[in-house]
Amino acid sequence: NLFSAPSVAPENVTVVNKTSTSIFIAWDAVPSNQRSSNILGYNVNWTLQTGHADRKLTEELSVEMVYANLTGLRKSRRFNITVSAFNECGEGPRSANLFAKTDEDSK
């Protein structure tokens, strides 16, 4: 079998916009010369940083685009976000950690 899971992580994961309950992020697609087969989508993982090592709340979202809007988040909290690409053979490595904080409610 010539195909395998993506060998590289998405790069340039950035926060595009945020509110008190959402974070909109975008990233670069995995370059075509570093894919062994078509990318089917991207997994976005985000973990609420609680300050307690045993109380991390992690969620995952799968999208077909090179952006995602994480919604329903807690206000004024810090999140650790990673993105990975997947194809029919599995999931590739995760991107470098991106830290983002939701805004306070506007007064």
PDB file of N, CA and C in Angstrom:
ATOM      1  N   ASN A   1       0.843  -1.192   0.000  1.00  0.00           N
ATOM      2  CA  ASN A   1       0.000   0.000   0.000  1.00  0.00           C
ATOM      3  C   ASN A   1       0.882   1.247   0.000  1.00  0.00           C
ATOM      4  N   LEU A   2       0.687   2.104  -0.986  1.00  0.00           N
ATOM      5  CA  LEU A   2       1.498   3.318  -1.117  1.00  0.00           C
ATOM      6  C   LEU A   2       0.996   4.444  -0.234  1.00  0.00           C
ATOM      7  N   PHE A   3      -0.214   4.316   0.262  1.00  0.00           N
ATOM      8  CA  PHE A   3      -0.800   5.416   1.017  1.00  0.00           C
ATOM      9  C   PHE A   3      -0.548   5.282   2.510  1.00  0.00           C
ATOM     10  N   SER A   4      -0.483   6.404   3.174  1.00  0.00           N
ATOM     11  CA  SER A   4      -0.334   6.428   4.634  1.00  0.00           C
ATOM     12  C   SER A   4      -1.006   7.692   5.157  1.00  0.00           C
ATOM     13  N   ALA A   5      -1.103   7.794   6.460  1.00  0.00           N
ATOM     14  CA  ALA A   5      -1.675   8.987   7.072  1.00  0.00           C
ATOM     15  C   ALA A   5      -0.797  10.194   6.745  1.00  0.00           C
ATOM     16  N   PRO A   6      -1.343  11.414   6.823  1.00  0.00           N
ATOM     17  CA  PRO A   6      -0.528  12.601   6.544  1.00  0.00           C
ATOM     18  C   PRO A   6       0.739  12.608   7.408  1.00  0.00           C
ATOM     19  N   SER A   7       1.866  13.019   6.819  1.00  0.00           N
ATOM     20  CA  SER A   7       3.138  12.958   7.546  1.00  0.00           C
ATOM     21  C   SER A   7       3.507  14.267   8.226  1.00  0.00           C
ATOM     22  N   VAL A   8       2.786  15.333   7.914  1.00  0.00           N
ATOM     23  CA  VAL A   8       3.086  16.636   8.523  1.00  0.00           C
ATOM     24  C   VAL A   8       1.811  17.238   9.103  1.00  0.00           C
ATOM     25  N   ALA A   9       2.004  18.129  10.052  1.00  0.00           N
ATOM     26  CA  ALA A   9       0.878  18.827  10.680  1.00  0.00           C
ATOM     27  C   ALA A   9       0.555  20.095   9.900  1.00  0.00           C
ATOM     28  N   PRO A  10      -0.681  20.558   9.993  1.00  0.00           N
ATOM     29  CA  PRO A  10      -1.009  21.870   9.421  1.00  0.00           C
ATOM     30  C   PRO A  10      -0.148  22.947  10.089  1.00  0.00           C
ATOM     31  N   GLU A  11       0.242  23.953   9.309  1.00  0.00           N
ATOM     32  CA  GLU A  11       1.085  25.023   9.838  1.00  0.00           C
ATOM     33  C   GLU A  11       0.330  26.340   9.877  1.00  0.00           C
ATOM     34  N   ASN A  12       0.927  27.302  10.571  1.00  0.00           N
ATOM     35  CA  ASN A  12       0.383  28.667  10.672  1.00  0.00           C
ATOM     36  C   ASN A  12      -1.038  28.686  11.226  1.00  0.00           C
ATOM     37  N   VAL A  13      -1.261  27.924  12.291  1.00  0.00           N
ATOM     38  CA  VAL A  13      -2.555  27.964  12.971  1.00  0.00           C
ATOM     39  C   VAL A  13      -2.632  29.302  13.701  1.00  0.00           C
ATOM     40  N   THR A  14      -3.649  30.091  13.402  1.00  0.00           N
ATOM     41  CA  THR A  14      -3.760  31.425  13.981  1.00  0.00           C
ATOM     42  C   THR A  14      -5.177  31.712  14.428  1.00  0.00           C
ATOM     43  N   VAL A  15      -5.298  32.579  15.421  1.00  0.00           N
ATOM     44  CA  VAL A  15      -6.606  33.065  15.863  1.00  0.00           C
ATOM     45  C   VAL A  15      -7.000  34.214  14.941  1.00  0.00           C
ATOM     46  N   VAL A  16      -8.127  34.066  14.281  1.00  0.00           N
ATOM     47  CA  VAL A  16      -8.609  35.102  13.367  1.00  0.00           C
ATOM     48  C   VAL A  16      -9.480  36.103  14.113  1.00  0.00           C
ATOM     49  N   ASN A  17     -10.333  35.587  14.981  1.00  0.00           N
ATOM     50  CA  ASN A  17     -11.261  36.450  15.708  1.00  0.00           C
ATOM     51  C   ASN A  17     -11.709  35.714  16.962  1.00  0.00           C
ATOM     52  N   LYS A  18     -12.108  36.473  17.980  1.00  0.00           N
ATOM     53  CA  LYS A  18     -12.637  35.834  19.178  1.00  0.00           C
ATOM     54  C   LYS A  18     -13.658  36.723  19.838  1.00  0.00           C
ATOM     55  N   THR A  19     -14.548  36.073  20.576  1.00  0.00           N
ATOM     56  CA  THR A  19     -15.544  36.776  21.387  1.00  0.00           C
ATOM     57  C   THR A  19     -15.445  36.181  22.790  1.00  0.00           C
ATOM     58  N   SER A  20     -16.421  36.485  23.631  1.00  0.00           N
ATOM     59  CA  SER A  20     -16.377  35.921  24.980  1.00  0.00           C
ATOM     60  C   SER A  20     -16.697  34.429  24.989  1.00  0.00           C
ATOM     61  N   THR A  21     -17.330  33.910  23.930  1.00  0.00           N
ATOM     62  CA  THR A  21     -17.702  32.486  23.916  1.00  0.00           C
ATOM     63  C   THR A  21     -17.255  31.745  22.663  1.00  0.00           C
ATOM     64  N   SER A  22     -16.445  32.381  21.819  1.00  0.00           N
ATOM     65  CA  SER A  22     -16.003  31.694  20.598  1.00  0.00           C
ATOM     66  C   SER A  22     -14.590  32.109  20.204  1.00  0.00           C
ATOM     67  N   ILE A  23     -13.931  31.215  19.493  1.00  0.00           N
ATOM     68  CA  ILE A  23     -12.611  31.484  18.921  1.00  0.00           C
ATOM     69  C   ILE A  23     -12.646  30.966  17.484  1.00  0.00           C
ATOM     70  N   PHE A  24     -12.366  31.850  16.532  1.00  0.00           N
ATOM     71  CA  PHE A  24     -12.320  31.475  15.120  1.00  0.00           C
ATOM     72  C   PHE A  24     -10.859  31.332  14.726  1.00  0.00           C
ATOM     73  N   ILE A  25     -10.487  30.144  14.236  1.00  0.00           N
ATOM     74  CA  ILE A  25      -9.093  29.889  13.889  1.00  0.00           C
ATOM     75  C   ILE A  25      -8.985  29.444  12.439  1.00  0.00           C
ATOM     76  N   ALA A  26      -7.797  29.628  11.875  1.00  0.00           N
ATOM     77  CA  ALA A  26      -7.534  29.207  10.502  1.00  0.00           C
ATOM     78  C   ALA A  26      -6.113  28.670  10.434  1.00  0.00           C
ATOM     79  N   TRP A  27      -5.833  27.895   9.379  1.00  0.00           N
ATOM     80  CA  TRP A  27      -4.502  27.303   9.233  1.00  0.00           C
ATOM     81  C   TRP A  27      -4.233  27.047   7.759  1.00  0.00           C
ATOM     82  N   ASP A  28      -2.972  26.740   7.446  1.00  0.00           N
ATOM     83  CA  ASP A  28      -2.596  26.413   6.074  1.00  0.00           C
ATOM     84  C   ASP A  28      -2.895  24.943   5.797  1.00  0.00           C
ATOM     85  N   ALA A  29      -3.401  24.664   4.612  1.00  0.00           N
ATOM     86  CA  ALA A  29      -3.635  23.280   4.207  1.00  0.00           C
ATOM     87  C   ALA A  29      -2.297  22.541   4.121  1.00  0.00           C
ATOM     88  N   VAL A  30      -2.328  21.245   4.352  1.00  0.00           N
ATOM     89  CA  VAL A  30      -1.121  20.432   4.191  1.00  0.00           C
ATOM     90  C   VAL A  30      -0.733  20.488   2.705  1.00  0.00           C
ATOM     91  N   PRO A  31       0.514  20.861   2.391  1.00  0.00           N
ATOM     92  CA  PRO A  31       0.921  20.997   0.984  1.00  0.00           C
ATOM     93  C   PRO A  31       0.733  19.687   0.215  1.00  0.00           C
ATOM     94  N   SER A  32       0.342  19.810  -1.051  1.00  0.00           N
ATOM     95  CA  SER A  32       0.043  18.619  -1.855  1.00  0.00           C
ATOM     96  C   SER A  32       1.255  17.706  -2.004  1.00  0.00           C
ATOM     97  N   ASN A  33       2.469  18.261  -1.945  1.00  0.00           N
ATOM     98  CA  ASN A  33       3.654  17.402  -2.081  1.00  0.00           C
ATOM     99  C   ASN A  33       3.966  16.639  -0.792  1.00  0.00           C
ATOM    100  N   GLN A  34       3.210  16.899   0.270  1.00  0.00           N
ATOM    101  CA  GLN A  34       3.441  16.188   1.534  1.00  0.00           C
ATOM    102  C   GLN A  34       2.239  15.342   1.935  1.00  0.00           C
ATOM    103  N   ARG A  35       1.397  15.059   0.969  1.00  0.00           N
ATOM    104  CA  ARG A  35       0.244  14.182   1.203  1.00  0.00           C
ATOM    105  C   ARG A  35       0.500  12.889   0.463  1.00  0.00           C
ATOM    106  N   SER A  36       0.146  11.780   1.054  1.00  0.00           N
ATOM    107  CA  SER A  36       0.237  10.522   0.310  1.00  0.00           C
ATOM    108  C   SER A  36      -1.093  10.218  -0.376  1.00  0.00           C
ATOM    109  N   SER A  37      -2.156  10.836   0.097  1.00  0.00           N
ATOM    110  CA  SER A  37      -3.467  10.740  -0.560  1.00  0.00           C
ATOM    111  C   SER A  37      -4.269  11.972  -0.157  1.00  0.00           C
ATOM    112  N   ASN A  38      -5.454  12.114  -0.716  1.00  0.00           N
ATOM    113  CA  ASN A  38      -6.252  13.311  -0.459  1.00  0.00           C
ATOM    114  C   ASN A  38      -6.560  13.499   1.017  1.00  0.00           C
ATOM    115  N   ILE A  39      -6.426  14.742   1.471  1.00  0.00           N
ATOM    116  CA  ILE A  39      -6.824  15.090   2.838  1.00  0.00           C
ATOM    117  C   ILE A  39      -8.349  15.126   2.871  1.00  0.00           C
ATOM    118  N   LEU A  40      -8.938  14.378   3.797  1.00  0.00           N
ATOM    119  CA  LEU A  40     -10.397  14.345   3.923  1.00  0.00           C
ATOM    120  C   LEU A  40     -10.905  15.443   4.847  1.00  0.00           C
ATOM    121  N   GLY A  41     -10.042  15.889   5.763  1.00  0.00           N
ATOM    122  CA  GLY A  41     -10.461  16.922   6.696  1.00  0.00           C
ATOM    123  C   GLY A  41      -9.414  17.157   7.751  1.00  0.00           C
ATOM    124  N   TYR A  42      -9.807  17.945   8.741  1.00  0.00           N
ATOM    125  CA  TYR A  42      -8.905  18.346   9.819  1.00  0.00           C
ATOM    126  C   TYR A  42      -9.604  18.149  11.155  1.00  0.00           C
ATOM    127  N   ASN A  43      -8.855  17.645  12.128  1.00  0.00           N
ATOM    128  CA  ASN A  43      -9.362  17.531  13.490  1.00  0.00           C
ATOM    129  C   ASN A  43      -8.819  18.700  14.300  1.00  0.00           C
ATOM    130  N   VAL A  44      -9.712  19.418  14.953  1.00  0.00           N
ATOM    131  CA  VAL A  44      -9.339  20.536  15.810  1.00  0.00           C
ATOM    132  C   VAL A  44      -9.605  20.100  17.245  1.00  0.00           C
ATOM    133  N   ASN A  45      -8.567  20.114  18.065  1.00  0.00           N
ATOM    134  CA  ASN A  45      -8.696  19.769  19.487  1.00  0.00           C
ATOM    135  C   ASN A  45      -8.488  21.026  20.314  1.00  0.00           C
ATOM    136  N   TRP A  46      -9.345  21.236  21.305  1.00  0.00           N
ATOM    137  CA  TRP A  46      -9.101  22.350  22.223  1.00  0.00           C
ATOM    138  C   TRP A  46      -9.334  21.893  23.641  1.00  0.00           C
ATOM    139  N   THR A  47      -8.431  22.351  24.499  1.00  0.00           N
ATOM    140  CA  THR A  47      -8.459  21.974  25.902  1.00  0.00           C
ATOM    141  C   THR A  47      -8.576  23.230  26.755  1.00  0.00           C
ATOM    142  N   LEU A  48      -9.548  23.250  27.631  1.00  0.00           N
ATOM    143  CA  LEU A  48      -9.697  24.345  28.582  1.00  0.00           C
ATOM    144  C   LEU A  48      -8.619  24.198  29.633  1.00  0.00           C
ATOM    145  N   GLN A  49      -7.815  25.235  29.820  1.00  0.00           N
ATOM    146  CA  GLN A  49      -6.766  25.216  30.833  1.00  0.00           C
ATOM    147  C   GLN A  49      -7.400  25.573  32.176  1.00  0.00           C
ATOM    148  N   THR A  50      -7.525  24.570  33.044  1.00  0.00           N
ATOM    149  CA  THR A  50      -8.227  24.783  34.310  1.00  0.00           C
ATOM    150  C   THR A  50      -7.286  25.115  35.462  1.00  0.00           C
ATOM    151  N   GLY A  51      -5.997  24.860  35.289  1.00  0.00           N
ATOM    152  CA  GLY A  51      -5.069  25.051  36.390  1.00  0.00           C
ATOM    153  C   GLY A  51      -4.906  23.785  37.213  1.00  0.00           C
ATOM    154  N   HIS A  52      -5.755  22.798  36.960  1.00  0.00           N
ATOM    155  CA  HIS A  52      -5.658  21.507  37.643  1.00  0.00           C
ATOM    156  C   HIS A  52      -5.267  20.462  36.603  1.00  0.00           C
ATOM    157  N   ALA A  53      -4.127  19.820  36.799  1.00  0.00           N
ATOM    158  CA  ALA A  53      -3.621  18.865  35.803  1.00  0.00           C
ATOM    159  C   ALA A  53      -4.624  17.756  35.508  1.00  0.00           C
ATOM    160  N   ASP A  54      -5.428  17.388  36.502  1.00  0.00           N
ATOM    161  CA  ASP A  54      -6.365  16.274  36.319  1.00  0.00           C
ATOM    162  C   ASP A  54      -7.735  16.734  35.840  1.00  0.00           C
ATOM    163  N   ARG A  55      -7.907  18.035  35.619  1.00  0.00           N
ATOM    164  CA  ARG A  55      -9.228  18.534  35.227  1.00  0.00           C
ATOM    165  C   ARG A  55      -9.163  19.279  33.906  1.00  0.00           C
ATOM    166  N   LYS A  56      -8.608  18.651  32.903  1.00  0.00           N
ATOM    167  CA  LYS A  56      -8.571  19.277  31.581  1.00  0.00           C
ATOM    168  C   LYS A  56      -9.806  18.841  30.808  1.00  0.00           C
ATOM    169  N   LEU A  57     -10.488  19.801  30.225  1.00  0.00           N
ATOM    170  CA  LEU A  57     -11.680  19.512  29.444  1.00  0.00           C
ATOM    171  C   LEU A  57     -11.313  19.649  27.974  1.00  0.00           C
ATOM    172  N   THR A  58     -11.279  18.527  27.263  1.00  0.00           N
ATOM    173  CA  THR A  58     -10.871  18.533  25.861  1.00  0.00           C
ATOM    174  C   THR A  58     -12.051  18.200  24.969  1.00  0.00           C
ATOM    175  N   GLU A  59     -12.171  18.952  23.868  1.00  0.00           N
ATOM    176  CA  GLU A  59     -13.197  18.675  22.870  1.00  0.00           C
ATOM    177  C   GLU A  59     -12.539  18.589  21.506  1.00  0.00           C
ATOM    178  N   GLU A  60     -13.232  17.930  20.570  1.00  0.00           N
ATOM    179  CA  GLU A  60     -12.696  17.792  19.216  1.00  0.00           C
ATOM    180  C   GLU A  60     -13.790  18.086  18.202  1.00  0.00           C
ATOM    181  N   LEU A  61     -13.377  18.701  17.099  1.00  0.00           N
ATOM    182  CA  LEU A  61     -14.276  19.033  16.008  1.00  0.00           C
ATOM    183  C   LEU A  61     -13.590  18.622  14.714  1.00  0.00           C
ATOM    184  N   SER A  62     -14.304  17.958  13.819  1.00  0.00           N
ATOM    185  CA  SER A  62     -13.751  17.611  12.506  1.00  0.00           C
ATOM    186  C   SER A  62     -14.386  18.513  11.457  1.00  0.00           C
ATOM    187  N   VAL A  63     -13.545  19.116  10.622  1.00  0.00           N
ATOM    188  CA  VAL A  63     -14.033  20.015   9.575  1.00  0.00           C
ATOM    189  C   VAL A  63     -13.352  19.662   8.256  1.00  0.00           C
ATOM    190  N   GLU A  64     -13.983  20.042   7.162  1.00  0.00           N
ATOM    191  CA  GLU A  64     -13.388  19.814   5.840  1.00  0.00           C
ATOM    192  C   GLU A  64     -12.635  21.047   5.351  1.00  0.00           C
ATOM    193  N   MET A  65     -12.870  22.203   5.980  1.00  0.00           N
ATOM    194  CA  MET A  65     -12.245  23.447   5.556  1.00  0.00           C
ATOM    195  C   MET A  65     -10.928  23.665   6.310  1.00  0.00           C
ATOM    196  N   VAL A  66     -10.245  24.771   5.983  1.00  0.00           N
ATOM    197  CA  VAL A  66      -9.004  25.116   6.696  1.00  0.00           C
ATOM    198  C   VAL A  66      -9.273  26.222   7.713  1.00  0.00           C
ATOM    199  N   TYR A  67     -10.447  26.140   8.331  1.00  0.00           N
ATOM    200  CA  TYR A  67     -10.802  27.057   9.410  1.00  0.00           C
ATOM    201  C   TYR A  67     -11.875  26.402  10.253  1.00  0.00           C
ATOM    202  N   ALA A  68     -12.033  26.909  11.469  1.00  0.00           N
ATOM    203  CA  ALA A  68     -13.070  26.386  12.356  1.00  0.00           C
ATOM    204  C   ALA A  68     -13.485  27.473  13.324  1.00  0.00           C
ATOM    205  N   ASN A  69     -14.757  27.461  13.696  1.00  0.00           N
ATOM    206  CA  ASN A  69     -15.269  28.380  14.688  1.00  0.00           C
ATOM    207  C   ASN A  69     -15.626  27.560  15.924  1.00  0.00           C
ATOM    208  N   LEU A  70     -14.843  27.717  16.972  1.00  0.00           N
ATOM    209  CA  LEU A  70     -15.099  27.004  18.229  1.00  0.00           C
ATOM    210  C   LEU A  70     -16.087  27.844  19.023  1.00  0.00           C
ATOM    211  N   THR A  71     -17.252  27.283  19.314  1.00  0.00           N
ATOM    212  CA  THR A  71     -18.299  28.068  19.971  1.00  0.00           C
ATOM    213  C   THR A  71     -18.719  27.424  21.283  1.00  0.00           C
ATOM    214  N   GLY A  72     -19.516  28.158  22.042  1.00  0.00           N
ATOM    215  CA  GLY A  72     -20.009  27.646  23.314  1.00  0.00           C
ATOM    216  C   GLY A  72     -18.915  27.551  24.359  1.00  0.00           C
ATOM    217  N   LEU A  73     -17.871  28.376  24.214  1.00  0.00           N
ATOM    218  CA  LEU A  73     -16.748  28.330  25.152  1.00  0.00           C
ATOM    219  C   LEU A  73     -17.048  29.164  26.389  1.00  0.00           C
ATOM    220  N   ARG A  74     -16.276  28.937  27.430  1.00  0.00           N
ATOM    221  CA  ARG A  74     -16.423  29.745  28.639  1.00  0.00           C
ATOM    222  C   ARG A  74     -15.704  31.071  28.460  1.00  0.00           C
ATOM    223  N   LYS A  75     -16.313  32.138  28.993  1.00  0.00           N
ATOM    224  CA  LYS A  75     -15.725  33.459  28.812  1.00  0.00           C
ATOM    225  C   LYS A  75     -14.460  33.623  29.650  1.00  0.00           C
ATOM    226  N   SER A  76     -13.559  34.414  29.133  1.00  0.00           N
ATOM    227  CA  SER A  76     -12.322  34.789  29.819  1.00  0.00           C
ATOM    228  C   SER A  76     -11.539  33.560  30.295  1.00  0.00           C
ATOM    229  N   ARG A  77     -11.444  32.554  29.423  1.00  0.00           N
ATOM    230  CA  ARG A  77     -10.698  31.341  29.746  1.00  0.00           C
ATOM    231  C   ARG A  77      -9.634  31.109  28.685  1.00  0.00           C
ATOM    232  N   ARG A  78      -8.584  30.393  29.091  1.00  0.00           N
ATOM    233  CA  ARG A  78      -7.469  30.086  28.204  1.00  0.00           C
ATOM    234  C   ARG A  78      -7.642  28.687  27.629  1.00  0.00           C
ATOM    235  N   PHE A  79      -7.401  28.573  26.342  1.00  0.00           N
ATOM    236  CA  PHE A  79      -7.539  27.295  25.651  1.00  0.00           C
ATOM    237  C   PHE A  79      -6.245  26.950  24.923  1.00  0.00           C
ATOM    238  N   ASN A  80      -5.947  25.664  24.891  1.00  0.00           N
ATOM    239  CA  ASN A  80      -4.817  25.123  24.146  1.00  0.00           C
ATOM    240  C   ASN A  80      -5.423  24.435  22.919  1.00  0.00           C
ATOM    241  N   ILE A  81      -5.012  24.867  21.710  1.00  0.00           N
ATOM    242  CA  ILE A  81      -5.635  24.384  20.473  1.00  0.00           C
ATOM    243  C   ILE A  81      -4.585  23.725  19.586  1.00  0.00           C
ATOM    244  N   THR A  82      -4.921  22.552  19.030  1.00  0.00           N
ATOM    245  CA  THR A  82      -4.064  21.907  18.031  1.00  0.00           C
ATOM    246  C   THR A  82      -4.933  21.470  16.856  1.00  0.00           C
ATOM    247  N   VAL A  83      -4.290  21.328  15.695  1.00  0.00           N
ATOM    248  CA  VAL A  83      -4.989  20.909  14.480  1.00  0.00           C
ATOM    249  C   VAL A  83      -4.189  19.785  13.832  1.00  0.00           C
ATOM    250  N   SER A  84      -4.876  18.769  13.332  1.00  0.00           N
ATOM    251  CA  SER A  84      -4.220  17.693  12.583  1.00  0.00           C
ATOM    252  C   SER A  84      -5.046  17.382  11.344  1.00  0.00           C
ATOM    253  N   ALA A  85      -4.375  16.906  10.309  1.00  0.00           N
ATOM    254  CA  ALA A  85      -5.062  16.513   9.069  1.00  0.00           C
ATOM    255  C   ALA A  85      -5.317  15.010   9.104  1.00  0.00           C
ATOM    256  N   PHE A  86      -6.355  14.570   8.394  1.00  0.00           N
ATOM    257  CA  PHE A  86      -6.574  13.129   8.278  1.00  0.00           C
ATOM    258  C   PHE A  86      -6.978  12.772   6.856  1.00  0.00           C
ATOM    259  N   ASN A  87      -6.684  11.523   6.496  1.00  0.00           N
ATOM    260  CA  ASN A  87      -7.116  10.958   5.218  1.00  0.00           C
ATOM    261  C   ASN A  87      -7.665   9.564   5.499  1.00  0.00           C
ATOM    262  N   GLU A  88      -7.907   8.782   4.439  1.00  0.00           N
ATOM    263  CA  GLU A  88      -8.523   7.463   4.672  1.00  0.00           C
ATOM    264  C   GLU A  88      -7.619   6.522   5.459  1.00  0.00           C
ATOM    265  N   CYS A  89      -6.336   6.839   5.571  1.00  0.00           N
ATOM    266  CA  CYS A  89      -5.399   5.966   6.302  1.00  0.00           C
ATOM    267  C   CYS A  89      -5.215   6.369   7.758  1.00  0.00           C
ATOM    268  N   GLY A  90      -5.762   7.504   8.149  1.00  0.00           N
ATOM    269  CA  GLY A  90      -5.635   7.897   9.549  1.00  0.00           C
ATOM    270  C   GLY A  90      -5.281   9.357   9.734  1.00  0.00           C
ATOM    271  N   GLU A  91      -4.938   9.670  10.973  1.00  0.00           N
ATOM    272  CA  GLU A  91      -4.667  11.043  11.384  1.00  0.00           C
ATOM    273  C   GLU A  91      -3.172  11.299  11.406  1.00  0.00           C
ATOM    274  N   GLY A  92      -2.781  12.481  10.955  1.00  0.00           N
ATOM    275  CA  GLY A  92      -1.386  12.888  10.980  1.00  0.00           C
ATOM    276  C   GLY A  92      -1.017  13.549  12.290  1.00  0.00           C
ATOM    277  N   PRO A  93       0.217  14.060  12.381  1.00  0.00           N
ATOM    278  CA  PRO A  93       0.660  14.708  13.614  1.00  0.00           C
ATOM    279  C   PRO A  93      -0.103  16.000  13.891  1.00  0.00           C
ATOM    280  N   ARG A  94      -0.147  16.365  15.160  1.00  0.00           N
ATOM    281  CA  ARG A  94      -0.830  17.601  15.554  1.00  0.00           C
ATOM    282  C   ARG A  94       0.096  18.798  15.369  1.00  0.00           C
ATOM    283  N   SER A  95      -0.522  19.938  15.110  1.00  0.00           N
ATOM    284  CA  SER A  95       0.228  21.189  14.978  1.00  0.00           C
ATOM    285  C   SER A  95       0.827  21.579  16.328  1.00  0.00           C
ATOM    286  N   ALA A  96       1.704  22.558  16.294  1.00  0.00           N
ATOM    287  CA  ALA A  96       2.210  23.132  17.536  1.00  0.00           C
ATOM    288  C   ALA A  96       1.036  23.714  18.315  1.00  0.00           C
ATOM    289  N   ASN A  97       1.154  23.738  19.632  1.00  0.00           N
ATOM    290  CA  ASN A  97       0.085  24.286  20.471  1.00  0.00           C
ATOM    291  C   ASN A  97      -0.126  25.764  20.188  1.00  0.00           C
ATOM    292  N   LEU A  98      -1.375  26.146  20.079  1.00  0.00           N
ATOM    293  CA  LEU A  98      -1.762  27.552  19.981  1.00  0.00           C
ATOM    294  C   LEU A  98      -2.560  27.863  21.236  1.00  0.00           C
ATOM    295  N   PHE A  99      -2.169  28.921  21.934  1.00  0.00           N
ATOM    296  CA  PHE A  99      -2.912  29.319  23.126  1.00  0.00           C
ATOM    297  C   PHE A  99      -3.776  30.518  22.785  1.00  0.00           C
ATOM    298  N   ALA A 100      -5.043  30.459  23.172  1.00  0.00           N
ATOM    299  CA  ALA A 100      -5.960  31.560  22.912  1.00  0.00           C
ATOM    300  C   ALA A 100      -6.857  31.737  24.119  1.00  0.00           C
ATOM    301  N   LYS A 101      -7.256  32.980  24.356  1.00  0.00           N
ATOM    302  CA  LYS A 101      -8.112  33.280  25.497  1.00  0.00           C
ATOM    303  C   LYS A 101      -9.387  33.950  25.000  1.00  0.00           C
ATOM    304  N   THR A 102     -10.527  33.457  25.484  1.00  0.00           N
ATOM    305  CA  THR A 102     -11.790  34.113  25.121  1.00  0.00           C
ATOM    306  C   THR A 102     -11.856  35.461  25.838  1.00  0.00           C
ATOM    307  N   ASP A 103     -12.630  36.371  25.247  1.00  0.00           N
ATOM    308  CA  ASP A 103     -12.765  37.718  25.795  1.00  0.00           C
ATOM    309  C   ASP A 103     -13.656  37.704  27.049  1.00  0.00           C
ATOM    310  N   GLU A 104     -13.558  38.803  27.783  1.00  0.00           N
ATOM    311  CA  GLU A 104     -14.512  39.069  28.858  1.00  0.00           C
ATOM    312  C   GLU A 104     -15.824  39.477  28.196  1.00  0.00           C
ATOM    313  N   ASP A 105     -16.919  39.364  28.928  1.00  0.00           N
ATOM    314  CA  ASP A 105     -18.172  39.925  28.408  1.00  0.00           C
ATOM    315  C   ASP A 105     -18.017  41.437  28.286  1.00  0.00           C
ATOM    316  N   SER A 106     -18.612  41.999  27.245  1.00  0.00           N
ATOM    317  CA  SER A 106     -18.571  43.465  27.137  1.00  0.00           C
ATOM    318  C   SER A 106     -19.540  44.047  28.151  1.00  0.00           C
ATOM    319  N   LYS A 107     -19.134  45.123  28.754  1.00  0.00           N
ATOM    320  CA  LYS A 107     -19.945  45.731  29.821  1.00  0.00           C
ATOM    321  C   LYS A 107     -20.966  46.688  29.235  1.00  0.00           C
TER     322      LYS A 107
END
